[in-house]
Amino acid sequence: MHMSAIVHRNPALERLPGGMRFPIAVSALLLLASFAPSPGPVSAMAAARLAIAFDALPLDPSNPARRRVGGLVYLGGWAMRGDDPRFGGISAMHVDKKRVTALTDAGSLIRFAVPGARSGKGSIEALRDGPGNPDKKSDRDAESMAIYGGQAWIAFEKTNAVWRYRGADWRSDAHASPPAMRKWPSNAGSEAMLRLPDGRFLIFSEGKKRGDGSTEALLFDGDPARAGTKASSLGYRAPAGFSITDAALLPDGRILFLNRRFALLEGVAAKLTVGHLSAVKAGAVLTGREIATLRPPLTVDNMEAMSVAREGEKTIVWIASDDNFNGLQRNLLMKFTLAE
């Protein structure tokens, strides 16, 4: 959704108790969605330096000492504010060697160091290659990304296409519109993507329903950005009332799923579940075991992006939110240790 191009905090909203804040924000989203301005043309603005303010946040504003939620231990969290109008709308990210590579749903690439102070510097640029008109957010609605071996794969939702990019210069060297993805909903298509250890890819639809009630995922025998790569259908069953927004591989070979829910009266929530890679096969229905739920009064927003990294012996889970370029929402970045 196009919302506000200005990323700012709403003091009146922040003064409300946590349990009230998010239902009101969701209501406002529904009211504003039909007329809020776009973030503007992306191709007209070249790569630029970016200054980011990081406002530290507790896991639980009602209990700032709290550090644990389910199988996750909270290491820190920040509300991020950038000085470029393209900053926001984070729908996918990759964290490696203390660097964040984030992708917005308006087709911009954001790179910055993980927070270590109240402010930091990075860069932001529009993807030069991609489907459709680069000045139309809907044409460059990028919702999922996989980075591996100096390359990046990005799936675009409206066109249900997959583009491959060289990590050195972020120019595309291959792209395809897989036939199996063509009937996926234009606004609930390729929401999450995994590159499996054997080189296969798994791409999840947010809203393409199967007869058994699960949402469709596709298992590609190889690179989905190459035309003709065979794809097999399987399903993913999110927790009741939730839908998948991202997925990541854990070091032990399991899959970590990020799931989101919007409810008008209850607000927004995110649920993390863990499934088994061995279950990934044509015709199967993937499920996950719940390990943590973020809901008010805990700090939470429209959590859409996730990345798993290692710090020594610790498995680190990073989660970020998509603010829809709407001033009533926040760009959150949260860091956890997996301790389940």
C-alpha atoms as a PDB file:
ATOM      1  CA  MET A   1       0.000   0.000   0.000  1.00  0.00           C
ATOM      2  CA  HIS A   2       1.080   3.567  -0.663  1.00  0.00           C
ATOM      3  CA  MET A   3       0.899   5.449   2.562  1.00  0.00           C
ATOM      4  CA  SER A   4       2.859   8.526   3.683  1.00  0.00           C
ATOM      5  CA  ALA A   5       6.179   9.469   2.144  1.00  0.00           C
ATOM      6  CA  ILE A   6       7.279  11.073   5.386  1.00  0.00           C
ATOM      7  CA  VAL A   7       8.762   8.803   8.034  1.00  0.00           C
ATOM      8  CA  HIS A   8       8.100  10.333  11.422  1.00  0.00           C
ATOM      9  CA  ARG A   9       6.853   9.538  14.891  1.00  0.00           C
ATOM     10  CA  ASN A  10       3.367  10.414  16.089  1.00  0.00           C
ATOM     11  CA  PRO A  11       3.703  11.764  19.661  1.00  0.00           C
ATOM     12  CA  ALA A  12      -0.017  11.520  20.358  1.00  0.00           C
ATOM     13  CA  LEU A  13      -0.036   7.890  19.336  1.00  0.00           C
ATOM     14  CA  GLU A  14       3.112   7.090  21.336  1.00  0.00           C
ATOM     15  CA  ARG A  15       1.520   8.411  24.524  1.00  0.00           C
ATOM     16  CA  LEU A  16      -1.217   5.794  24.325  1.00  0.00           C
ATOM     17  CA  PRO A  17      -0.849   2.531  26.226  1.00  0.00           C
ATOM     18  CA  GLY A  18       0.769  -0.175  24.077  1.00  0.00           C
ATOM     19  CA  GLY A  19      -2.384  -2.269  23.929  1.00  0.00           C
ATOM     20  CA  MET A  20      -4.355   0.632  22.405  1.00  0.00           C
ATOM     21  CA  ARG A  21      -1.727   2.022  20.072  1.00  0.00           C
ATOM     22  CA  PHE A  22      -1.699  -0.660  17.415  1.00  0.00           C
ATOM     23  CA  PRO A  23      -5.459  -1.199  16.970  1.00  0.00           C
ATOM     24  CA  ILE A  24      -5.758   2.540  16.412  1.00  0.00           C
ATOM     25  CA  ALA A  25      -2.849   2.476  13.979  1.00  0.00           C
ATOM     26  CA  VAL A  26      -4.446  -0.362  12.018  1.00  0.00           C
ATOM     27  CA  SER A  27      -7.744   1.513  11.857  1.00  0.00           C
ATOM     28  CA  ALA A  28      -5.921   4.567  10.588  1.00  0.00           C
ATOM     29  CA  LEU A  29      -4.176   2.448   7.969  1.00  0.00           C
ATOM     30  CA  LEU A  30      -7.506   1.302   6.603  1.00  0.00           C
ATOM     31  CA  LEU A  31      -8.797   4.870   6.475  1.00  0.00           C
ATOM     32  CA  LEU A  32      -5.675   6.317   4.880  1.00  0.00           C
ATOM     33  CA  ALA A  33      -4.939   3.603   2.344  1.00  0.00           C
ATOM     34  CA  SER A  34      -7.225   5.030  -0.327  1.00  0.00           C
ATOM     35  CA  PHE A  35      -5.745   8.517  -0.492  1.00  0.00           C
ATOM     36  CA  ALA A  36      -2.321   8.614   1.162  1.00  0.00           C
ATOM     37  CA  PRO A  37       0.500   9.891  -1.099  1.00  0.00           C
ATOM     38  CA  SER A  38       3.098   7.695  -2.781  1.00  0.00           C
ATOM     39  CA  PRO A  39       6.784   7.865  -1.795  1.00  0.00           C
ATOM     40  CA  GLY A  40       7.345   9.290  -5.266  1.00  0.00           C
ATOM     41  CA  PRO A  41       9.346   8.231  -8.327  1.00  0.00           C
ATOM     42  CA  VAL A  42      12.300   6.035  -7.394  1.00  0.00           C
ATOM     43  CA  SER A  43      14.304   6.197 -10.627  1.00  0.00           C
ATOM     44  CA  ALA A  44      14.511   9.988 -10.508  1.00  0.00           C
ATOM     45  CA  MET A  45      16.605   9.843  -7.360  1.00  0.00           C
ATOM     46  CA  ALA A  46      20.161   8.509  -7.665  1.00  0.00           C
ATOM     47  CA  ALA A  47      22.101   6.555  -5.083  1.00  0.00           C
ATOM     48  CA  ALA A  48      22.549   8.703  -2.010  1.00  0.00           C
ATOM     49  CA  ARG A  49      24.198   8.692   1.360  1.00  0.00           C
ATOM     50  CA  LEU A  50      21.807   7.994   4.169  1.00  0.00           C
ATOM     51  CA  ALA A  51      21.778   9.132   7.787  1.00  0.00           C
ATOM     52  CA  ILE A  52      19.759   6.933  10.126  1.00  0.00           C
ATOM     53  CA  ALA A  53      18.646   7.690  13.672  1.00  0.00           C
ATOM     54  CA  PHE A  54      18.259   4.642  15.928  1.00  0.00           C
ATOM     55  CA  ASP A  55      15.883   5.130  18.857  1.00  0.00           C
ATOM     56  CA  ALA A  56      16.379   2.276  21.331  1.00  0.00           C
ATOM     57  CA  LEU A  57      13.240   0.423  22.416  1.00  0.00           C
ATOM     58  CA  PRO A  58      12.476  -2.087  25.169  1.00  0.00           C
ATOM     59  CA  LEU A  59      10.901  -5.412  24.295  1.00  0.00           C
ATOM     60  CA  ASP A  60       8.040  -4.662  26.674  1.00  0.00           C
ATOM     61  CA  PRO A  61       7.393  -0.955  27.378  1.00  0.00           C
ATOM     62  CA  SER A  62       5.272  -1.956  30.383  1.00  0.00           C
ATOM     63  CA  ASN A  63       8.184  -3.998  31.796  1.00  0.00           C
ATOM     64  CA  PRO A  64      11.492  -2.614  30.430  1.00  0.00           C
ATOM     65  CA  ALA A  65      13.520  -5.285  32.232  1.00  0.00           C
ATOM     66  CA  ARG A  66      11.876  -8.099  30.260  1.00  0.00           C
ATOM     67  CA  ARG A  67      14.251  -9.917  27.940  1.00  0.00           C
ATOM     68  CA  ARG A  68      12.516 -13.130  26.968  1.00  0.00           C
ATOM     69  CA  VAL A  69       9.599 -13.969  24.705  1.00  0.00           C
ATOM     70  CA  GLY A  70       9.129 -17.681  24.115  1.00  0.00           C
ATOM     71  CA  GLY A  71      12.289 -19.169  22.644  1.00  0.00           C
ATOM     72  CA  LEU A  72      13.855 -15.779  21.908  1.00  0.00           C
ATOM     73  CA  VAL A  73      16.067 -13.608  24.122  1.00  0.00           C
ATOM     74  CA  TYR A  74      15.922  -9.905  23.313  1.00  0.00           C
ATOM     75  CA  LEU A  75      19.295  -8.268  22.613  1.00  0.00           C
ATOM     76  CA  GLY A  76      18.041  -4.899  21.467  1.00  0.00           C
ATOM     77  CA  GLY A  77      15.623  -3.046  19.262  1.00  0.00           C
ATOM     78  CA  TRP A  78      15.401   0.281  17.516  1.00  0.00           C
ATOM     79  CA  ALA A  79      12.911   2.510  15.736  1.00  0.00           C
ATOM     80  CA  MET A  80      14.783   3.733  12.667  1.00  0.00           C
ATOM     81  CA  ARG A  81      14.364   7.103  10.964  1.00  0.00           C
ATOM     82  CA  GLY A  82      16.162   8.002   7.742  1.00  0.00           C
ATOM     83  CA  ASP A  83      16.802  11.391   6.142  1.00  0.00           C
ATOM     84  CA  ASP A  84      15.792  10.221   2.648  1.00  0.00           C
ATOM     85  CA  PRO A  85      12.071   9.991   1.702  1.00  0.00           C
ATOM     86  CA  ARG A  86      12.708   6.565   0.174  1.00  0.00           C
ATOM     87  CA  PHE A  87      13.682   5.137   3.561  1.00  0.00           C
ATOM     88  CA  GLY A  88      11.049   2.767   4.912  1.00  0.00           C
ATOM     89  CA  GLY A  89       8.863  -0.032   3.648  1.00  0.00           C
ATOM     90  CA  ILE A  90      11.410  -2.741   4.497  1.00  0.00           C
ATOM     91  CA  SER A  91      10.080  -6.044   3.190  1.00  0.00           C
ATOM     92  CA  ALA A  92      13.231  -8.209   3.112  1.00  0.00           C
ATOM     93  CA  MET A  93      16.757  -8.059   4.513  1.00  0.00           C
ATOM     94  CA  HIS A  94      20.049  -9.907   4.830  1.00  0.00           C
ATOM     95  CA  VAL A  95      22.453  -9.400   7.748  1.00  0.00           C
ATOM     96  CA  ASP A  96      26.063 -10.501   7.347  1.00  0.00           C
ATOM     97  CA  LYS A  97      29.280  -9.382   9.045  1.00  0.00           C
ATOM     98  CA  LYS A  98      27.450  -6.633  10.902  1.00  0.00           C
ATOM     99  CA  ARG A  99      26.087  -5.150   7.677  1.00  0.00           C
ATOM    100  CA  VAL A 100      22.395  -4.921   6.801  1.00  0.00           C
ATOM    101  CA  THR A 101      21.205  -5.124   3.209  1.00  0.00           C
ATOM    102  CA  ALA A 102      17.506  -4.266   3.159  1.00  0.00           C
ATOM    103  CA  LEU A 103      14.987  -4.138   0.362  1.00  0.00           C
ATOM    104  CA  THR A 104      11.950  -1.866   0.280  1.00  0.00           C
ATOM    105  CA  ASP A 105       8.603  -2.581  -1.323  1.00  0.00           C
ATOM    106  CA  ALA A 106       9.158   0.455  -3.552  1.00  0.00           C
ATOM    107  CA  GLY A 107      12.246  -1.061  -5.175  1.00  0.00           C
ATOM    108  CA  SER A 108      15.011   0.624  -3.197  1.00  0.00           C
ATOM    109  CA  LEU A 109      18.114  -0.975  -1.726  1.00  0.00           C
ATOM    110  CA  ILE A 110      19.235   0.201   1.731  1.00  0.00           C
ATOM    111  CA  ARG A 111      22.628  -0.694   3.231  1.00  0.00           C
ATOM    112  CA  PHE A 112      23.893   0.220   6.691  1.00  0.00           C
ATOM    113  CA  ALA A 113      25.870  -1.105   9.640  1.00  0.00           C
ATOM    114  CA  VAL A 114      24.017  -2.813  12.469  1.00  0.00           C
ATOM    115  CA  PRO A 115      23.180  -0.287  15.199  1.00  0.00           C
ATOM    116  CA  GLY A 116      25.964   0.463  17.627  1.00  0.00           C
ATOM    117  CA  ALA A 117      25.073   4.045  18.479  1.00  0.00           C
ATOM    118  CA  ARG A 118      22.104   6.406  18.331  1.00  0.00           C
ATOM    119  CA  SER A 119      22.842   7.232  14.698  1.00  0.00           C
ATOM    120  CA  GLY A 120      24.585   5.712  11.735  1.00  0.00           C
ATOM    121  CA  LYS A 121      25.342   6.169   8.073  1.00  0.00           C
ATOM    122  CA  GLY A 122      24.455   4.076   5.078  1.00  0.00           C
ATOM    123  CA  SER A 123      23.296   4.335   1.499  1.00  0.00           C
ATOM    124  CA  ILE A 124      20.049   4.086  -0.411  1.00  0.00           C
ATOM    125  CA  GLU A 125      19.462   3.616  -4.124  1.00  0.00           C
ATOM    126  CA  ALA A 126      16.757   2.494  -6.508  1.00  0.00           C
ATOM    127  CA  LEU A 127      17.286  -0.844  -8.222  1.00  0.00           C
ATOM    128  CA  ARG A 128      18.323   0.116 -11.743  1.00  0.00           C
ATOM    129  CA  ASP A 129      16.999  -3.112 -13.237  1.00  0.00           C
ATOM    130  CA  GLY A 130      13.636  -4.743 -12.621  1.00  0.00           C
ATOM    131  CA  PRO A 131      10.172  -5.295 -14.047  1.00  0.00           C
ATOM    132  CA  GLY A 132       7.892  -2.615 -15.426  1.00  0.00           C
ATOM    133  CA  ASN A 133       8.182   1.102 -14.865  1.00  0.00           C
ATOM    134  CA  PRO A 134      10.732   2.028 -12.167  1.00  0.00           C
ATOM    135  CA  ASP A 135       8.650   5.111 -11.339  1.00  0.00           C
ATOM    136  CA  LYS A 136       5.682   2.961 -10.298  1.00  0.00           C
ATOM    137  CA  LYS A 137       5.897   1.466  -6.828  1.00  0.00           C
ATOM    138  CA  SER A 138       3.481  -1.305  -7.789  1.00  0.00           C
ATOM    139  CA  ASP A 139       5.816  -2.436 -10.597  1.00  0.00           C
ATOM    140  CA  ARG A 140       8.777  -2.621  -8.217  1.00  0.00           C
ATOM    141  CA  ASP A 141       6.953  -4.100  -5.220  1.00  0.00           C
ATOM    142  CA  ALA A 142       9.805  -6.325  -4.025  1.00  0.00           C
ATOM    143  CA  GLU A 143       8.727  -8.584  -1.182  1.00  0.00           C
ATOM    144  CA  SER A 144      11.384 -11.307  -0.874  1.00  0.00           C
ATOM    145  CA  MET A 145      15.131 -11.685  -1.343  1.00  0.00           C
ATOM    146  CA  ALA A 146      17.821 -14.346  -1.072  1.00  0.00           C
ATOM    147  CA  ILE A 147      21.541 -13.545  -1.072  1.00  0.00           C
ATOM    148  CA  TYR A 148      24.160 -16.223  -1.648  1.00  0.00           C
ATOM    149  CA  GLY A 149      27.618 -16.475  -3.213  1.00  0.00           C
ATOM    150  CA  GLY A 150      27.868 -12.880  -4.387  1.00  0.00           C
ATOM    151  CA  GLN A 151      24.433 -12.931  -6.016  1.00  0.00           C
ATOM    152  CA  ALA A 152      20.977 -11.808  -4.984  1.00  0.00           C
ATOM    153  CA  TRP A 153      17.557 -13.058  -6.069  1.00  0.00           C
ATOM    154  CA  ILE A 154      14.558 -10.756  -5.698  1.00  0.00           C
ATOM    155  CA  ALA A 155      10.919 -11.700  -6.245  1.00  0.00           C
ATOM    156  CA  PHE A 156       8.520  -8.954  -7.315  1.00  0.00           C
ATOM    157  CA  GLU A 157       4.924  -9.299  -6.198  1.00  0.00           C
ATOM    158  CA  LYS A 158       2.772  -7.621  -8.862  1.00  0.00           C
ATOM    159  CA  THR A 159       4.508  -9.305 -11.783  1.00  0.00           C
ATOM    160  CA  ASN A 160       5.316 -12.523  -9.884  1.00  0.00           C
ATOM    161  CA  ALA A 161       8.769 -12.461 -11.465  1.00  0.00           C
ATOM    162  CA  VAL A 162      12.196 -13.382 -10.100  1.00  0.00           C
ATOM    163  CA  TRP A 163      15.263 -11.313 -10.968  1.00  0.00           C
ATOM    164  CA  ARG A 164      18.878 -12.212 -10.223  1.00  0.00           C
ATOM    165  CA  TYR A 165      21.442  -9.509  -9.458  1.00  0.00           C
ATOM    166  CA  ARG A 166      25.216  -9.361  -9.240  1.00  0.00           C
ATOM    167  CA  GLY A 167      26.170  -8.380  -5.703  1.00  0.00           C
ATOM    168  CA  ALA A 168      29.125  -6.296  -6.928  1.00  0.00           C
ATOM    169  CA  ASP A 169      27.043  -3.703  -8.772  1.00  0.00           C
ATOM    170  CA  TRP A 170      23.402  -4.788  -8.276  1.00  0.00           C
ATOM    171  CA  ARG A 171      22.790  -5.072 -12.007  1.00  0.00           C
ATOM    172  CA  SER A 172      20.565  -7.896 -13.168  1.00  0.00           C
ATOM    173  CA  ASP A 173      21.976 -10.727 -15.287  1.00  0.00           C
ATOM    174  CA  ALA A 174      18.886 -12.980 -15.464  1.00  0.00           C
ATOM    175  CA  HIS A 175      15.154 -12.899 -14.836  1.00  0.00           C
ATOM    176  CA  ALA A 176      12.077 -15.032 -15.435  1.00  0.00           C
ATOM    177  CA  SER A 177       8.335 -15.096 -14.852  1.00  0.00           C
ATOM    178  CA  PRO A 178       7.753 -18.696 -13.749  1.00  0.00           C
ATOM    179  CA  PRO A 179       4.487 -20.028 -15.249  1.00  0.00           C
ATOM    180  CA  ALA A 180       3.536 -21.609 -11.900  1.00  0.00           C
ATOM    181  CA  MET A 181       3.506 -18.132 -10.302  1.00  0.00           C
ATOM    182  CA  ARG A 182       1.399 -16.367 -12.936  1.00  0.00           C
ATOM    183  CA  LYS A 183      -1.927 -16.935 -11.170  1.00  0.00           C
ATOM    184  CA  TRP A 184      -0.672 -15.819  -7.777  1.00  0.00           C
ATOM    185  CA  PRO A 185      -2.542 -12.731  -6.471  1.00  0.00           C
ATOM    186  CA  SER A 186      -0.877  -9.498  -7.568  1.00  0.00           C
ATOM    187  CA  ASN A 187      -0.943  -8.137  -4.002  1.00  0.00           C
ATOM    188  CA  ALA A 188      -0.394 -11.421  -2.146  1.00  0.00           C
ATOM    189  CA  GLY A 189       2.194 -13.179  -4.263  1.00  0.00           C
ATOM    190  CA  SER A 190       5.847 -14.049  -3.660  1.00  0.00           C
ATOM    191  CA  GLU A 191       6.230 -13.028  -0.014  1.00  0.00           C
ATOM    192  CA  ALA A 192       9.180 -15.180   1.145  1.00  0.00           C
ATOM    193  CA  MET A 193      12.075 -16.935  -0.567  1.00  0.00           C
ATOM    194  CA  LEU A 194      14.744 -19.428   0.523  1.00  0.00           C
ATOM    195  CA  ARG A 195      17.797 -20.739  -1.262  1.00  0.00           C
ATOM    196  CA  LEU A 196      18.240 -24.290   0.011  1.00  0.00           C
ATOM    197  CA  PRO A 197      21.704 -25.767   0.705  1.00  0.00           C
ATOM    198  CA  ASP A 198      21.539 -27.973  -2.409  1.00  0.00           C
ATOM    199  CA  GLY A 199      20.839 -25.018  -4.729  1.00  0.00           C
ATOM    200  CA  ARG A 200      17.076 -25.415  -4.993  1.00  0.00           C
ATOM    201  CA  PHE A 201      14.775 -22.487  -4.184  1.00  0.00           C
ATOM    202  CA  LEU A 202      11.552 -22.300  -2.202  1.00  0.00           C
ATOM    203  CA  ILE A 203       9.207 -19.368  -2.857  1.00  0.00           C
ATOM    204  CA  PHE A 204       6.085 -18.802  -0.743  1.00  0.00           C
ATOM    205  CA  SER A 205       2.891 -17.083  -1.841  1.00  0.00           C
ATOM    206  CA  GLU A 206       1.209 -14.934   0.774  1.00  0.00           C
ATOM    207  CA  GLY A 207      -2.311 -15.500  -0.463  1.00  0.00           C
ATOM    208  CA  LYS A 208      -2.621 -18.153  -3.201  1.00  0.00           C
ATOM    209  CA  LYS A 209      -4.899 -20.718  -1.522  1.00  0.00           C
ATOM    210  CA  ARG A 210      -4.856 -24.441  -2.204  1.00  0.00           C
ATOM    211  CA  GLY A 211      -7.775 -26.809  -1.867  1.00  0.00           C
ATOM    212  CA  ASP A 212      -6.549 -28.025   1.525  1.00  0.00           C
ATOM    213  CA  GLY A 213      -6.609 -24.481   2.946  1.00  0.00           C
ATOM    214  CA  SER A 214      -2.835 -23.983   2.928  1.00  0.00           C
ATOM    215  CA  THR A 215      -1.118 -21.299   0.847  1.00  0.00           C
ATOM    216  CA  GLU A 216       0.949 -22.347  -2.137  1.00  0.00           C
ATOM    217  CA  ALA A 217       4.723 -22.543  -2.181  1.00  0.00           C
ATOM    218  CA  LEU A 218       6.884 -23.575  -5.117  1.00  0.00           C
ATOM    219  CA  LEU A 219       9.986 -25.733  -4.953  1.00  0.00           C
ATOM    220  CA  PHE A 220      12.331 -24.904  -7.852  1.00  0.00           C
ATOM    221  CA  ASP A 221      14.852 -27.531  -8.978  1.00  0.00           C
ATOM    222  CA  GLY A 222      17.404 -24.761  -9.514  1.00  0.00           C
ATOM    223  CA  ASP A 223      17.633 -21.045 -10.222  1.00  0.00           C
ATOM    224  CA  PRO A 224      14.112 -19.532 -10.501  1.00  0.00           C
ATOM    225  CA  ALA A 225      15.522 -16.588 -12.469  1.00  0.00           C
ATOM    226  CA  ARG A 226      16.324 -18.963 -15.344  1.00  0.00           C
ATOM    227  CA  ALA A 227      13.440 -19.566 -17.702  1.00  0.00           C
ATOM    228  CA  GLY A 228      12.362 -23.172 -17.794  1.00  0.00           C
ATOM    229  CA  THR A 229      13.475 -24.140 -14.294  1.00  0.00           C
ATOM    230  CA  LYS A 230      11.065 -26.830 -13.121  1.00  0.00           C
ATOM    231  CA  ALA A 231       8.842 -25.966 -10.150  1.00  0.00           C
ATOM    232  CA  SER A 232       6.761 -28.298  -7.977  1.00  0.00           C
ATOM    233  CA  SER A 233       3.815 -27.204  -5.849  1.00  0.00           C
ATOM    234  CA  LEU A 234       3.530 -27.681  -2.110  1.00  0.00           C
ATOM    235  CA  GLY A 235       1.702 -25.917   0.693  1.00  0.00           C
ATOM    236  CA  TYR A 236       2.458 -23.885   3.786  1.00  0.00           C
ATOM    237  CA  ARG A 237       0.038 -23.751   6.694  1.00  0.00           C
ATOM    238  CA  ALA A 238       0.588 -20.644   8.811  1.00  0.00           C
ATOM    239  CA  PRO A 239      -0.775 -20.389  12.368  1.00  0.00           C
ATOM    240  CA  ALA A 240      -4.514 -19.664  12.400  1.00  0.00           C
ATOM    241  CA  GLY A 241      -5.220 -16.068  11.396  1.00  0.00           C
ATOM    242  CA  PHE A 242      -1.621 -15.406  10.302  1.00  0.00           C
ATOM    243  CA  SER A 243       0.121 -15.286   6.930  1.00  0.00           C
ATOM    244  CA  ILE A 244       3.774 -15.780   6.051  1.00  0.00           C
ATOM    245  CA  THR A 245       5.960 -12.714   5.500  1.00  0.00           C
ATOM    246  CA  ASP A 246       9.475 -14.198   5.490  1.00  0.00           C
ATOM    247  CA  ALA A 247      11.521 -17.323   6.118  1.00  0.00           C
ATOM    248  CA  ALA A 248      15.171 -18.109   6.880  1.00  0.00           C
ATOM    249  CA  LEU A 249      17.350 -21.177   7.292  1.00  0.00           C
ATOM    250  CA  LEU A 250      18.708 -21.932  10.744  1.00  0.00           C
ATOM    251  CA  PRO A 251      22.273 -23.282  11.152  1.00  0.00           C
ATOM    252  CA  ASP A 252      20.924 -26.700  12.183  1.00  0.00           C
ATOM    253  CA  GLY A 253      18.998 -27.044   8.913  1.00  0.00           C
ATOM    254  CA  ARG A 254      15.541 -26.123  10.173  1.00  0.00           C
ATOM    255  CA  ILE A 255      13.398 -23.367   8.700  1.00  0.00           C
ATOM    256  CA  LEU A 256      12.351 -20.323  10.711  1.00  0.00           C
ATOM    257  CA  PHE A 257       9.068 -18.782   9.525  1.00  0.00           C
ATOM    258  CA  LEU A 258       7.908 -15.230  10.227  1.00  0.00           C
ATOM    259  CA  ASN A 259       4.124 -14.859  10.204  1.00  0.00           C
ATOM    260  CA  ARG A 260       1.985 -11.733  10.566  1.00  0.00           C
ATOM    261  CA  ARG A 261      -1.585 -10.894  11.500  1.00  0.00           C
ATOM    262  CA  PHE A 262      -3.624  -7.675  11.301  1.00  0.00           C
ATOM    263  CA  ALA A 263      -6.793  -7.505  13.353  1.00  0.00           C
ATOM    264  CA  LEU A 264      -8.839  -4.330  13.634  1.00  0.00           C
ATOM    265  CA  LEU A 265      -9.537  -4.659  17.369  1.00  0.00           C
ATOM    266  CA  GLU A 266      -6.390  -6.483  18.483  1.00  0.00           C
ATOM    267  CA  GLY A 267      -3.851  -4.702  16.307  1.00  0.00           C
ATOM    268  CA  VAL A 268      -0.829  -6.301  14.703  1.00  0.00           C
ATOM    269  CA  ALA A 269       1.025  -9.412  15.838  1.00  0.00           C
ATOM    270  CA  ALA A 270       3.931 -11.542  14.633  1.00  0.00           C
ATOM    271  CA  LYS A 271       4.467 -15.216  15.288  1.00  0.00           C
ATOM    272  CA  LEU A 272       7.684 -17.170  14.704  1.00  0.00           C
ATOM    273  CA  THR A 273       7.491 -20.878  13.989  1.00  0.00           C
ATOM    274  CA  VAL A 274      10.098 -23.550  13.211  1.00  0.00           C
ATOM    275  CA  GLY A 275       9.746 -26.317  10.634  1.00  0.00           C
ATOM    276  CA  HIS A 276      11.955 -29.070   9.248  1.00  0.00           C
ATOM    277  CA  LEU A 277      13.835 -28.895   5.971  1.00  0.00           C
ATOM    278  CA  SER A 278      13.312 -32.634   5.532  1.00  0.00           C
ATOM    279  CA  ALA A 279       9.600 -31.941   5.018  1.00  0.00           C
ATOM    280  CA  VAL A 280      10.266 -29.893   1.874  1.00  0.00           C
ATOM    281  CA  LYS A 281       9.047 -32.057  -0.982  1.00  0.00           C
ATOM    282  CA  ALA A 282       6.511 -31.801  -3.792  1.00  0.00           C
ATOM    283  CA  GLY A 283       2.942 -32.144  -2.574  1.00  0.00           C
ATOM    284  CA  ALA A 284       3.788 -31.746   1.109  1.00  0.00           C
ATOM    285  CA  VAL A 285       2.220 -29.181   3.438  1.00  0.00           C
ATOM    286  CA  LEU A 286       4.816 -27.396   5.567  1.00  0.00           C
ATOM    287  CA  THR A 287       3.937 -26.395   9.108  1.00  0.00           C
ATOM    288  CA  GLY A 288       5.859 -24.955  12.023  1.00  0.00           C
ATOM    289  CA  ARG A 289       6.029 -25.201  15.781  1.00  0.00           C
ATOM    290  CA  GLU A 290       5.467 -21.872  17.520  1.00  0.00           C
ATOM    291  CA  ILE A 291       8.491 -20.530  19.388  1.00  0.00           C
ATOM    292  CA  ALA A 292       7.539 -16.881  20.019  1.00  0.00           C
ATOM    293  CA  THR A 293       4.695 -14.408  19.553  1.00  0.00           C
ATOM    294  CA  LEU A 294       5.033 -10.634  19.483  1.00  0.00           C
ATOM    295  CA  ARG A 295       1.797  -8.805  20.250  1.00  0.00           C
ATOM    296  CA  PRO A 296       0.909  -5.688  22.272  1.00  0.00           C
ATOM    297  CA  PRO A 297       2.008  -4.652  24.817  1.00  0.00           C
ATOM    298  CA  LEU A 298       5.290  -5.995  23.373  1.00  0.00           C
ATOM    299  CA  THR A 299       7.044  -3.864  20.785  1.00  0.00           C
ATOM    300  CA  VAL A 300       5.735  -4.935  17.399  1.00  0.00           C
ATOM    301  CA  ASP A 301       4.655  -3.516  14.058  1.00  0.00           C
ATOM    302  CA  ASN A 302       4.140  -4.854  10.553  1.00  0.00           C
ATOM    303  CA  MET A 303       7.008  -7.386  10.773  1.00  0.00           C
ATOM    304  CA  GLU A 304       7.926  -8.419   7.226  1.00  0.00           C
ATOM    305  CA  ALA A 305      11.681  -9.016   7.056  1.00  0.00           C
ATOM    306  CA  MET A 306      13.906 -11.560   8.808  1.00  0.00           C
ATOM    307  CA  SER A 307      17.519 -12.694   8.661  1.00  0.00           C
ATOM    308  CA  VAL A 308      19.466 -15.292  10.629  1.00  0.00           C
ATOM    309  CA  ALA A 309      23.162 -14.810  11.433  1.00  0.00           C
ATOM    310  CA  ARG A 310      25.807 -16.256  13.732  1.00  0.00           C
ATOM    311  CA  GLU A 311      27.771 -14.469  16.447  1.00  0.00           C
ATOM    312  CA  GLY A 312      30.210 -16.986  17.917  1.00  0.00           C
ATOM    313  CA  GLU A 313      28.118 -19.881  19.169  1.00  0.00           C
ATOM    314  CA  LYS A 314      24.907 -17.845  19.172  1.00  0.00           C
ATOM    315  CA  THR A 315      22.209 -17.944  16.517  1.00  0.00           C
ATOM    316  CA  ILE A 316      20.974 -14.391  15.987  1.00  0.00           C
ATOM    317  CA  VAL A 317      17.525 -13.596  14.621  1.00  0.00           C
ATOM    318  CA  TRP A 318      16.985 -10.145  13.132  1.00  0.00           C
ATOM    319  CA  ILE A 319      13.443  -8.934  12.389  1.00  0.00           C
ATOM    320  CA  ALA A 320      12.406  -5.679  10.695  1.00  0.00           C
ATOM    321  CA  SER A 321       9.074  -4.026   9.954  1.00  0.00           C
ATOM    322  CA  ASP A 322       7.547  -2.464   6.877  1.00  0.00           C
ATOM    323  CA  ASP A 323       6.030   0.898   7.807  1.00  0.00           C
ATOM    324  CA  ASN A 324       4.190   1.205   4.457  1.00  0.00           C
ATOM    325  CA  PHE A 325       5.621   4.742   4.269  1.00  0.00           C
ATOM    326  CA  ASN A 326       2.969   5.675   6.787  1.00  0.00           C
ATOM    327  CA  GLY A 327       3.680   7.999   9.689  1.00  0.00           C
ATOM    328  CA  LEU A 328       1.460   5.983  12.040  1.00  0.00           C
ATOM    329  CA  GLN A 329       3.788   2.994  11.724  1.00  0.00           C
ATOM    330  CA  ARG A 330       7.449   2.501  12.547  1.00  0.00           C
ATOM    331  CA  ASN A 331      10.541   1.050  10.928  1.00  0.00           C
ATOM    332  CA  LEU A 332      11.567  -1.392  13.639  1.00  0.00           C
ATOM    333  CA  LEU A 333      14.757  -3.429  13.752  1.00  0.00           C
ATOM    334  CA  MET A 334      14.886  -6.065  16.499  1.00  0.00           C
ATOM    335  CA  LYS A 335      17.675  -8.443  17.491  1.00  0.00           C
ATOM    336  CA  PHE A 336      17.218 -11.727  19.350  1.00  0.00           C
ATOM    337  CA  THR A 337      19.199 -14.780  20.327  1.00  0.00           C
ATOM    338  CA  LEU A 338      17.524 -18.070  19.509  1.00  0.00           C
ATOM    339  CA  ALA A 339      17.337 -19.928  22.838  1.00  0.00           C
ATOM    340  CA  GLU A 340      14.536 -22.459  22.369  1.00  0.00           C
END
